[in-house]
Amino acid sequence: MNDERKVTIVREIEHWRRSKLLPDQYCDFLLNLYADPDDDGKSSRSGSSASAAPVIGKAIAAVQNATGKQWLLTFGTFTLISFVVLYFSRFHPALQIAVVLIGLAAFLRSGYRLRSRNEAAALTFTSIGMLILLGGGLYILELHGIADWTNRVLIVTGCALFWIVYGIKAKIHSLHLSGWLVMLMLYGWVLSRYTSTTLWFEIQLFWLPLSILFGWSSWFFHRWTKPVSAVLFVTCALAWFMPELYTAVILEYTVWLQLQLLIKIAVGGGLLFALRKQWMVWVA
């Protein structure tokens, strides 16, 4: 009789789980109370499958329980986005800029609100907003036939600076680092346009002072903010190897490149070891 009652209660709890009358955590707790010791393996398997399966179940339940206002808001938003995408090229330039900025603000706000609950989703929304700013700016230049080299550099530079500032303010270190990486690429782009040298020591002179500047900045800022100092230190290390990357990608010149790279690794490793007591304080 007790076994029959247990089976009935377990079935009832499973029914509560499927119909969402109780949260999954409560259902798991009740099932553990009424489960037999011999059925622990089975219960754990059913619990794990139940914890994975509810994703679809929750989505279906959300659709079933959605109100008319929610349906109207969802389809209205989708219709508005479709309208903007289809007719964006026909908007006035001021309206195009406003649309890009509104999209940026919407994604940044969503990322900010999600950050306390889901870091990955927040970073995704923030990244989409930043890409909308960059892609939208370049696309507007193309639409109006003003996508010359100078305007492109200005747009990319402005976006990179915004990434750096927002990354520091919002404490998104990957975004902060991405801004500096874009700035390094822009610097290489400018060098490739206005210089024609292939002498290895001149290329080193173009980049090594920049690496030293980032290293000094890392030391300078470490007393106020260690995360910013760490990002600057990583940028310093990347700038240290940028001459070799510039030579290989832009100049397509590989003579003695492997030897230069090995020497730079050896010298950089020696400096890191000799100054380890200093730079570890900056980043840790």
C-alpha atoms as a PDB file:
ATOM      1  CA  MET A   1       0.000   0.000   0.000  1.00  0.00           C
ATOM      2  CA  ASN A   2       2.863   2.350   0.863  1.00  0.00           C
ATOM      3  CA  ASP A   3       4.492   1.603  -2.492  1.00  0.00           C
ATOM      4  CA  GLU A   4       1.290   2.465  -4.318  1.00  0.00           C
ATOM      5  CA  ARG A   5       1.003   5.728  -2.444  1.00  0.00           C
ATOM      6  CA  LYS A   6       4.607   6.612  -3.273  1.00  0.00           C
ATOM      7  CA  VAL A   7       4.015   5.898  -6.960  1.00  0.00           C
ATOM      8  CA  THR A   8       0.899   8.068  -6.910  1.00  0.00           C
ATOM      9  CA  ILE A   9       2.695  10.917  -5.153  1.00  0.00           C
ATOM     10  CA  VAL A  10       5.665  10.730  -7.536  1.00  0.00           C
ATOM     11  CA  ARG A  11       3.320  10.838 -10.533  1.00  0.00           C
ATOM     12  CA  GLU A  12       1.555  13.830  -9.042  1.00  0.00           C
ATOM     13  CA  ILE A  13       4.867  15.647  -8.518  1.00  0.00           C
ATOM     14  CA  GLU A  14       5.888  14.916 -12.114  1.00  0.00           C
ATOM     15  CA  HIS A  15       2.532  16.322 -13.225  1.00  0.00           C
ATOM     16  CA  TRP A  16       3.232  19.483 -11.194  1.00  0.00           C
ATOM     17  CA  ARG A  17       6.608  19.769 -12.892  1.00  0.00           C
ATOM     18  CA  ARG A  18       5.208  19.389 -16.422  1.00  0.00           C
ATOM     19  CA  SER A  19       2.362  21.841 -15.819  1.00  0.00           C
ATOM     20  CA  LYS A  20       4.718  24.325 -14.090  1.00  0.00           C
ATOM     21  CA  LEU A  21       2.581  24.395 -10.946  1.00  0.00           C
ATOM     22  CA  LEU A  22       5.773  24.257  -8.874  1.00  0.00           C
ATOM     23  CA  PRO A  23       9.348  25.328  -9.672  1.00  0.00           C
ATOM     24  CA  ASP A  24      11.746  22.574 -10.727  1.00  0.00           C
ATOM     25  CA  GLN A  25      13.783  22.938  -7.534  1.00  0.00           C
ATOM     26  CA  TYR A  26      10.756  22.165  -5.343  1.00  0.00           C
ATOM     27  CA  CYS A  27       9.802  19.208  -7.511  1.00  0.00           C
ATOM     28  CA  ASP A  28      13.326  17.796  -7.252  1.00  0.00           C
ATOM     29  CA  PHE A  29      13.218  18.229  -3.476  1.00  0.00           C
ATOM     30  CA  LEU A  30       9.870  16.431  -3.158  1.00  0.00           C
ATOM     31  CA  LEU A  31      11.005  13.625  -5.456  1.00  0.00           C
ATOM     32  CA  ASN A  32      14.090  13.093  -3.291  1.00  0.00           C
ATOM     33  CA  LEU A  33      11.865  12.759  -0.246  1.00  0.00           C
ATOM     34  CA  TYR A  34       9.670  10.081  -1.760  1.00  0.00           C
ATOM     35  CA  ALA A  35      12.252   8.281  -3.908  1.00  0.00           C
ATOM     36  CA  ASP A  36      13.444   4.806  -2.866  1.00  0.00           C
ATOM     37  CA  PRO A  37      17.144   4.314  -2.149  1.00  0.00           C
ATOM     38  CA  ASP A  38      17.257   1.707  -4.913  1.00  0.00           C
ATOM     39  CA  ASP A  39      15.949   4.287  -7.359  1.00  0.00           C
ATOM     40  CA  ASP A  40      18.592   6.934  -6.630  1.00  0.00           C
ATOM     41  CA  GLY A  41      20.368   6.338  -9.918  1.00  0.00           C
ATOM     42  CA  LYS A  42      17.102   6.554 -11.784  1.00  0.00           C
ATOM     43  CA  SER A  43      16.030   9.647  -9.876  1.00  0.00           C
ATOM     44  CA  SER A  44      19.319  11.408 -10.509  1.00  0.00           C
ATOM     45  CA  ARG A  45      19.089  10.616 -14.203  1.00  0.00           C
ATOM     46  CA  SER A  46      15.531  11.828 -14.367  1.00  0.00           C
ATOM     47  CA  GLY A  47      16.494  14.950 -12.427  1.00  0.00           C
ATOM     48  CA  SER A  48      19.373  15.736 -14.754  1.00  0.00           C
ATOM     49  CA  SER A  49      17.284  15.166 -17.854  1.00  0.00           C
ATOM     50  CA  ALA A  50      14.521  17.238 -16.315  1.00  0.00           C
ATOM     51  CA  SER A  51      16.963  20.057 -15.612  1.00  0.00           C
ATOM     52  CA  ALA A  52      18.112  20.019 -19.247  1.00  0.00           C
ATOM     53  CA  ALA A  53      14.716  19.541 -20.877  1.00  0.00           C
ATOM     54  CA  PRO A  54      12.850  22.456 -19.229  1.00  0.00           C
ATOM     55  CA  VAL A  55      14.485  24.949 -21.566  1.00  0.00           C
ATOM     56  CA  ILE A  56      12.075  23.994 -24.340  1.00  0.00           C
ATOM     57  CA  GLY A  57       9.255  23.506 -21.859  1.00  0.00           C
ATOM     58  CA  LYS A  58       9.740  26.982 -20.411  1.00  0.00           C
ATOM     59  CA  ALA A  59       9.743  28.491 -23.888  1.00  0.00           C
ATOM     60  CA  ILE A  60       6.494  26.718 -24.784  1.00  0.00           C
ATOM     61  CA  ALA A  61       4.942  27.730 -21.469  1.00  0.00           C
ATOM     62  CA  ALA A  62       6.008  31.338 -22.017  1.00  0.00           C
ATOM     63  CA  VAL A  63       4.321  31.337 -25.435  1.00  0.00           C
ATOM     64  CA  GLN A  64       1.164  29.740 -24.053  1.00  0.00           C
ATOM     65  CA  ASN A  65       0.927  32.157 -21.127  1.00  0.00           C
ATOM     66  CA  ALA A  66       1.804  35.289 -23.111  1.00  0.00           C
ATOM     67  CA  THR A  67      -0.775  38.059 -22.933  1.00  0.00           C
ATOM     68  CA  GLY A  68      -2.132  39.969 -25.884  1.00  0.00           C
ATOM     69  CA  LYS A  69      -0.023  42.965 -24.908  1.00  0.00           C
ATOM     70  CA  GLN A  70       3.129  40.820 -24.963  1.00  0.00           C
ATOM     71  CA  TRP A  71       2.236  39.376 -28.371  1.00  0.00           C
ATOM     72  CA  LEU A  72       1.555  42.866 -29.715  1.00  0.00           C
ATOM     73  CA  LEU A  73       4.831  44.194 -28.295  1.00  0.00           C
ATOM     74  CA  THR A  74       6.824  41.272 -29.732  1.00  0.00           C
ATOM     75  CA  PHE A  75       5.398  41.473 -33.236  1.00  0.00           C
ATOM     76  CA  GLY A  76       5.424  45.273 -33.153  1.00  0.00           C
ATOM     77  CA  THR A  77       9.123  45.267 -32.295  1.00  0.00           C
ATOM     78  CA  PHE A  78       9.860  42.706 -35.015  1.00  0.00           C
ATOM     79  CA  THR A  79       7.893  44.755 -37.560  1.00  0.00           C
ATOM     80  CA  LEU A  80       9.709  47.955 -36.561  1.00  0.00           C
ATOM     81  CA  ILE A  81      13.125  46.291 -36.888  1.00  0.00           C
ATOM     82  CA  SER A  82      12.195  44.874 -40.289  1.00  0.00           C
ATOM     83  CA  PHE A  83      10.988  48.294 -41.455  1.00  0.00           C
ATOM     84  CA  VAL A  84      14.216  49.985 -40.312  1.00  0.00           C
ATOM     85  CA  VAL A  85      16.403  47.348 -41.988  1.00  0.00           C
ATOM     86  CA  LEU A  86      14.488  47.462 -45.288  1.00  0.00           C
ATOM     87  CA  TYR A  87      14.209  51.255 -45.597  1.00  0.00           C
ATOM     88  CA  PHE A  88      17.348  52.379 -43.752  1.00  0.00           C
ATOM     89  CA  SER A  89      19.038  53.523 -46.962  1.00  0.00           C
ATOM     90  CA  ARG A  90      16.123  55.869 -47.747  1.00  0.00           C
ATOM     91  CA  PHE A  91      16.174  57.656 -44.394  1.00  0.00           C
ATOM     92  CA  HIS A  92      17.552  61.148 -43.981  1.00  0.00           C
ATOM     93  CA  PRO A  93      21.226  61.090 -42.856  1.00  0.00           C
ATOM     94  CA  ALA A  94      20.288  62.559 -39.476  1.00  0.00           C
ATOM     95  CA  LEU A  95      17.664  59.840 -38.992  1.00  0.00           C
ATOM     96  CA  GLN A  96      20.180  57.157 -40.015  1.00  0.00           C
ATOM     97  CA  ILE A  97      22.628  58.397 -37.385  1.00  0.00           C
ATOM     98  CA  ALA A  98      19.821  58.510 -34.814  1.00  0.00           C
ATOM     99  CA  VAL A  99      18.814  54.926 -35.608  1.00  0.00           C
ATOM    100  CA  VAL A 100      22.395  53.712 -35.141  1.00  0.00           C
ATOM    101  CA  LEU A 101      22.732  55.557 -31.825  1.00  0.00           C
ATOM    102  CA  ILE A 102      19.357  54.309 -30.570  1.00  0.00           C
ATOM    103  CA  GLY A 103      20.317  50.734 -31.464  1.00  0.00           C
ATOM    104  CA  LEU A 104      23.627  51.182 -29.655  1.00  0.00           C
ATOM    105  CA  ALA A 105      21.912  52.592 -26.560  1.00  0.00           C
ATOM    106  CA  ALA A 106      19.305  49.815 -26.523  1.00  0.00           C
ATOM    107  CA  PHE A 107      21.878  47.020 -26.662  1.00  0.00           C
ATOM    108  CA  LEU A 108      24.158  48.689 -24.119  1.00  0.00           C
ATOM    109  CA  ARG A 109      21.257  49.149 -21.719  1.00  0.00           C
ATOM    110  CA  SER A 110      20.191  45.529 -22.175  1.00  0.00           C
ATOM    111  CA  GLY A 111      23.762  44.385 -21.561  1.00  0.00           C
ATOM    112  CA  TYR A 112      23.996  46.515 -18.424  1.00  0.00           C
ATOM    113  CA  ARG A 113      20.734  45.155 -17.001  1.00  0.00           C
ATOM    114  CA  LEU A 114      21.642  41.545 -17.771  1.00  0.00           C
ATOM    115  CA  ARG A 115      25.126  41.697 -16.312  1.00  0.00           C
ATOM    116  CA  SER A 116      24.101  40.854 -12.745  1.00  0.00           C
ATOM    117  CA  ARG A 117      22.191  37.765 -13.932  1.00  0.00           C
ATOM    118  CA  ASN A 118      24.063  36.460 -16.972  1.00  0.00           C
ATOM    119  CA  GLU A 119      27.564  37.733 -17.747  1.00  0.00           C
ATOM    120  CA  ALA A 120      27.795  35.961 -21.115  1.00  0.00           C
ATOM    121  CA  ALA A 121      24.472  37.341 -22.358  1.00  0.00           C
ATOM    122  CA  ALA A 122      25.396  40.830 -21.148  1.00  0.00           C
ATOM    123  CA  LEU A 123      28.715  40.702 -22.995  1.00  0.00           C
ATOM    124  CA  THR A 124      26.939  39.470 -26.140  1.00  0.00           C
ATOM    125  CA  PHE A 125      24.451  42.348 -26.099  1.00  0.00           C
ATOM    126  CA  THR A 126      27.224  44.873 -25.428  1.00  0.00           C
ATOM    127  CA  SER A 127      29.338  43.483 -28.267  1.00  0.00           C
ATOM    128  CA  ILE A 128      26.389  43.634 -30.692  1.00  0.00           C
ATOM    129  CA  GLY A 129      25.832  47.269 -29.752  1.00  0.00           C
ATOM    130  CA  MET A 130      29.475  48.133 -30.391  1.00  0.00           C
ATOM    131  CA  LEU A 131      29.415  46.360 -33.756  1.00  0.00           C
ATOM    132  CA  ILE A 132      26.241  48.262 -34.687  1.00  0.00           C
ATOM    133  CA  LEU A 133      28.095  51.498 -33.974  1.00  0.00           C
ATOM    134  CA  LEU A 134      31.087  50.514 -36.116  1.00  0.00           C
ATOM    135  CA  GLY A 135      29.192  48.828 -38.951  1.00  0.00           C
ATOM    136  CA  GLY A 136      26.457  51.450 -39.027  1.00  0.00           C
ATOM    137  CA  GLY A 137      28.964  54.296 -39.202  1.00  0.00           C
ATOM    138  CA  LEU A 138      30.891  52.727 -42.074  1.00  0.00           C
ATOM    139  CA  TYR A 139      27.664  51.825 -43.903  1.00  0.00           C
ATOM    140  CA  ILE A 140      26.383  55.401 -43.687  1.00  0.00           C
ATOM    141  CA  LEU A 141      29.649  56.610 -45.210  1.00  0.00           C
ATOM    142  CA  GLU A 142      29.202  54.158 -48.096  1.00  0.00           C
ATOM    143  CA  LEU A 143      25.583  55.197 -48.661  1.00  0.00           C
ATOM    144  CA  HIS A 144      26.487  58.856 -49.094  1.00  0.00           C
ATOM    145  CA  GLY A 145      29.661  58.316 -51.106  1.00  0.00           C
ATOM    146  CA  ILE A 146      32.020  59.793 -48.524  1.00  0.00           C
ATOM    147  CA  ALA A 147      33.797  56.585 -47.543  1.00  0.00           C
ATOM    148  CA  ASP A 148      37.257  57.900 -48.288  1.00  0.00           C
ATOM    149  CA  TRP A 149      40.309  56.810 -46.330  1.00  0.00           C
ATOM    150  CA  THR A 150      40.254  59.744 -43.883  1.00  0.00           C
ATOM    151  CA  ASN A 151      36.573  59.353 -42.955  1.00  0.00           C
ATOM    152  CA  ARG A 152      36.986  55.628 -42.427  1.00  0.00           C
ATOM    153  CA  VAL A 153      39.934  56.199 -40.125  1.00  0.00           C
ATOM    154  CA  LEU A 154      37.953  58.804 -38.174  1.00  0.00           C
ATOM    155  CA  ILE A 155      34.978  56.461 -37.736  1.00  0.00           C
ATOM    156  CA  VAL A 156      37.095  53.503 -36.641  1.00  0.00           C
ATOM    157  CA  THR A 157      39.170  55.701 -34.321  1.00  0.00           C
ATOM    158  CA  GLY A 158      36.050  57.150 -32.719  1.00  0.00           C
ATOM    159  CA  CYS A 159      34.600  53.665 -32.191  1.00  0.00           C
ATOM    160  CA  ALA A 160      37.863  52.367 -30.717  1.00  0.00           C
ATOM    161  CA  LEU A 161      38.071  55.292 -28.297  1.00  0.00           C
ATOM    162  CA  PHE A 162      34.458  54.720 -27.273  1.00  0.00           C
ATOM    163  CA  TRP A 163      35.196  51.037 -26.668  1.00  0.00           C
ATOM    164  CA  ILE A 164      38.134  51.984 -24.453  1.00  0.00           C
ATOM    165  CA  VAL A 165      36.179  54.548 -22.435  1.00  0.00           C
ATOM    166  CA  TYR A 166      33.076  52.378 -22.068  1.00  0.00           C
ATOM    167  CA  GLY A 167      35.176  49.303 -21.292  1.00  0.00           C
ATOM    168  CA  ILE A 168      36.908  51.153 -18.446  1.00  0.00           C
ATOM    169  CA  LYS A 169      33.694  52.684 -17.114  1.00  0.00           C
ATOM    170  CA  ALA A 170      31.679  49.437 -17.281  1.00  0.00           C
ATOM    171  CA  LYS A 171      34.680  47.303 -16.209  1.00  0.00           C
ATOM    172  CA  ILE A 172      34.483  45.176 -19.352  1.00  0.00           C
ATOM    173  CA  HIS A 173      38.182  44.453 -19.755  1.00  0.00           C
ATOM    174  CA  SER A 174      37.843  42.523 -23.030  1.00  0.00           C
ATOM    175  CA  LEU A 175      36.146  45.548 -24.613  1.00  0.00           C
ATOM    176  CA  HIS A 176      38.853  47.847 -23.253  1.00  0.00           C
ATOM    177  CA  LEU A 177      41.548  45.603 -24.740  1.00  0.00           C
ATOM    178  CA  SER A 178      39.685  45.375 -28.063  1.00  0.00           C
ATOM    179  CA  GLY A 179      39.739  49.158 -28.328  1.00  0.00           C
ATOM    180  CA  TRP A 180      43.527  49.250 -27.946  1.00  0.00           C
ATOM    181  CA  LEU A 181      43.934  46.417 -30.472  1.00  0.00           C
ATOM    182  CA  VAL A 182      41.944  48.405 -33.018  1.00  0.00           C
ATOM    183  CA  MET A 183      44.126  51.437 -32.301  1.00  0.00           C
ATOM    184  CA  LEU A 184      47.247  49.361 -32.936  1.00  0.00           C
ATOM    185  CA  MET A 185      45.818  48.164 -36.242  1.00  0.00           C
ATOM    186  CA  LEU A 186      44.952  51.730 -37.208  1.00  0.00           C
ATOM    187  CA  TYR A 187      48.516  52.784 -36.415  1.00  0.00           C
ATOM    188  CA  GLY A 188      49.823  50.038 -38.677  1.00  0.00           C
ATOM    189  CA  TRP A 189      47.354  51.109 -41.376  1.00  0.00           C
ATOM    190  CA  VAL A 190      48.621  54.696 -41.180  1.00  0.00           C
ATOM    191  CA  LEU A 191      52.245  53.512 -41.347  1.00  0.00           C
ATOM    192  CA  SER A 192      51.536  51.425 -44.434  1.00  0.00           C
ATOM    193  CA  ARG A 193      49.989  54.433 -46.160  1.00  0.00           C
ATOM    194  CA  TYR A 194      52.557  57.101 -45.334  1.00  0.00           C
ATOM    195  CA  THR A 195      55.810  55.120 -45.113  1.00  0.00           C
ATOM    196  CA  SER A 196      57.547  52.899 -47.631  1.00  0.00           C
ATOM    197  CA  THR A 197      60.566  51.705 -45.669  1.00  0.00           C
ATOM    198  CA  THR A 198      61.469  48.030 -45.435  1.00  0.00           C
ATOM    199  CA  LEU A 199      64.504  48.461 -43.184  1.00  0.00           C
ATOM    200  CA  TRP A 200      64.057  46.297 -40.100  1.00  0.00           C
ATOM    201  CA  PHE A 201      65.507  48.800 -37.614  1.00  0.00           C
ATOM    202  CA  GLU A 202      63.224  51.611 -38.833  1.00  0.00           C
ATOM    203  CA  ILE A 203      60.178  49.375 -38.425  1.00  0.00           C
ATOM    204  CA  GLN A 204      61.330  48.540 -34.912  1.00  0.00           C
ATOM    205  CA  LEU A 205      61.660  52.254 -34.177  1.00  0.00           C
ATOM    206  CA  PHE A 206      58.093  52.809 -35.334  1.00  0.00           C
ATOM    207  CA  TRP A 207      56.697  50.326 -32.801  1.00  0.00           C
ATOM    208  CA  LEU A 208      59.038  49.866 -29.822  1.00  0.00           C
ATOM    209  CA  PRO A 209      58.560  53.392 -28.403  1.00  0.00           C
ATOM    210  CA  LEU A 210      54.809  52.684 -28.487  1.00  0.00           C
ATOM    211  CA  SER A 211      55.359  49.490 -26.509  1.00  0.00           C
ATOM    212  CA  ILE A 212      57.452  51.395 -23.973  1.00  0.00           C
ATOM    213  CA  LEU A 213      54.716  54.031 -23.708  1.00  0.00           C
ATOM    214  CA  PHE A 214      52.091  51.394 -22.886  1.00  0.00           C
ATOM    215  CA  GLY A 215      54.448  49.822 -20.349  1.00  0.00           C
ATOM    216  CA  TRP A 216      54.967  53.186 -18.653  1.00  0.00           C
ATOM    217  CA  SER A 217      51.192  53.793 -18.689  1.00  0.00           C
ATOM    218  CA  SER A 218      50.672  50.427 -16.991  1.00  0.00           C
ATOM    219  CA  TRP A 219      53.032  51.505 -14.217  1.00  0.00           C
ATOM    220  CA  PHE A 220      51.425  54.957 -13.998  1.00  0.00           C
ATOM    221  CA  PHE A 221      47.820  53.723 -13.627  1.00  0.00           C
ATOM    222  CA  HIS A 222      48.443  50.732 -11.332  1.00  0.00           C
ATOM    223  CA  ARG A 223      48.148  52.858  -8.189  1.00  0.00           C
ATOM    224  CA  TRP A 224      44.530  53.723  -9.058  1.00  0.00           C
ATOM    225  CA  THR A 225      43.176  50.757 -11.004  1.00  0.00           C
ATOM    226  CA  LYS A 226      44.808  47.365 -11.422  1.00  0.00           C
ATOM    227  CA  PRO A 227      42.444  46.105 -14.203  1.00  0.00           C
ATOM    228  CA  VAL A 228      43.256  49.075 -16.454  1.00  0.00           C
ATOM    229  CA  SER A 229      46.939  48.622 -15.678  1.00  0.00           C
ATOM    230  CA  ALA A 230      46.712  44.938 -16.627  1.00  0.00           C
ATOM    231  CA  VAL A 231      45.060  45.757 -19.968  1.00  0.00           C
ATOM    232  CA  LEU A 232      47.742  48.333 -20.736  1.00  0.00           C
ATOM    233  CA  PHE A 233      50.430  45.803 -19.851  1.00  0.00           C
ATOM    234  CA  VAL A 234      48.929  43.250 -22.259  1.00  0.00           C
ATOM    235  CA  THR A 235      48.790  45.948 -24.942  1.00  0.00           C
ATOM    236  CA  CYS A 236      52.453  46.711 -24.236  1.00  0.00           C
ATOM    237  CA  ALA A 237      53.325  43.040 -24.814  1.00  0.00           C
ATOM    238  CA  LEU A 238      51.339  42.983 -28.071  1.00  0.00           C
ATOM    239  CA  ALA A 239      52.977  46.169 -29.335  1.00  0.00           C
ATOM    240  CA  TRP A 240      56.370  44.577 -28.588  1.00  0.00           C
ATOM    241  CA  PHE A 241      55.728  41.963 -31.305  1.00  0.00           C
ATOM    242  CA  MET A 242      53.867  44.231 -33.739  1.00  0.00           C
ATOM    243  CA  PRO A 243      56.988  45.031 -35.865  1.00  0.00           C
ATOM    244  CA  GLU A 244      57.261  41.376 -36.869  1.00  0.00           C
ATOM    245  CA  LEU A 245      53.529  41.114 -37.549  1.00  0.00           C
ATOM    246  CA  TYR A 246      53.612  44.342 -39.581  1.00  0.00           C
ATOM    247  CA  THR A 247      56.563  43.057 -41.595  1.00  0.00           C
ATOM    248  CA  ALA A 248      54.870  39.739 -42.358  1.00  0.00           C
ATOM    249  CA  VAL A 249      51.335  41.021 -43.104  1.00  0.00           C
ATOM    250  CA  ILE A 250      51.818  44.486 -44.612  1.00  0.00           C
ATOM    251  CA  LEU A 251      55.276  44.312 -46.173  1.00  0.00           C
ATOM    252  CA  GLU A 252      55.153  40.560 -46.883  1.00  0.00           C
ATOM    253  CA  TYR A 253      58.868  40.508 -46.162  1.00  0.00           C
ATOM    254  CA  THR A 254      60.053  37.354 -44.404  1.00  0.00           C
ATOM    255  CA  VAL A 255      63.847  37.502 -44.701  1.00  0.00           C
ATOM    256  CA  TRP A 256      65.347  37.087 -41.211  1.00  0.00           C
ATOM    257  CA  LEU A 257      61.858  37.422 -39.756  1.00  0.00           C
ATOM    258  CA  GLN A 258      62.109  34.175 -37.773  1.00  0.00           C
ATOM    259  CA  LEU A 259      65.424  35.260 -36.292  1.00  0.00           C
ATOM    260  CA  GLN A 260      64.003  38.655 -35.322  1.00  0.00           C
ATOM    261  CA  LEU A 261      61.049  36.980 -33.655  1.00  0.00           C
ATOM    262  CA  LEU A 262      63.267  34.601 -31.669  1.00  0.00           C
ATOM    263  CA  ILE A 263      65.455  37.485 -30.515  1.00  0.00           C
ATOM    264  CA  LYS A 264      62.384  39.519 -29.485  1.00  0.00           C
ATOM    265  CA  ILE A 265      61.000  36.554 -27.519  1.00  0.00           C
ATOM    266  CA  ALA A 266      64.345  36.066 -25.756  1.00  0.00           C
ATOM    267  CA  VAL A 267      64.753  39.764 -24.947  1.00  0.00           C
ATOM    268  CA  GLY A 268      61.122  40.109 -23.862  1.00  0.00           C
ATOM    269  CA  GLY A 269      61.332  37.038 -21.663  1.00  0.00           C
ATOM    270  CA  GLY A 270      64.545  38.336 -20.095  1.00  0.00           C
ATOM    271  CA  LEU A 271      62.942  41.704 -19.343  1.00  0.00           C
ATOM    272  CA  LEU A 272      59.877  40.055 -17.823  1.00  0.00           C
ATOM    273  CA  PHE A 273      62.083  37.912 -15.595  1.00  0.00           C
ATOM    274  CA  ALA A 274      64.361  40.766 -14.545  1.00  0.00           C
ATOM    275  CA  LEU A 275      61.456  43.134 -13.793  1.00  0.00           C
ATOM    276  CA  ARG A 276      59.025  40.528 -12.443  1.00  0.00           C
ATOM    277  CA  LYS A 277      58.847  42.137  -8.979  1.00  0.00           C
ATOM    278  CA  GLN A 278      57.740  45.403 -10.560  1.00  0.00           C
ATOM    279  CA  TRP A 279      55.247  44.408 -13.252  1.00  0.00           C
ATOM    280  CA  MET A 280      53.530  41.753 -11.135  1.00  0.00           C
ATOM    281  CA  VAL A 281      52.560  44.527  -8.727  1.00  0.00           C
ATOM    282  CA  TRP A 282      51.044  46.500 -11.595  1.00  0.00           C
ATOM    283  CA  VAL A 283      48.712  43.735 -12.782  1.00  0.00           C
ATOM    284  CA  ALA A 284      47.995  41.656  -9.651  1.00  0.00           C
END
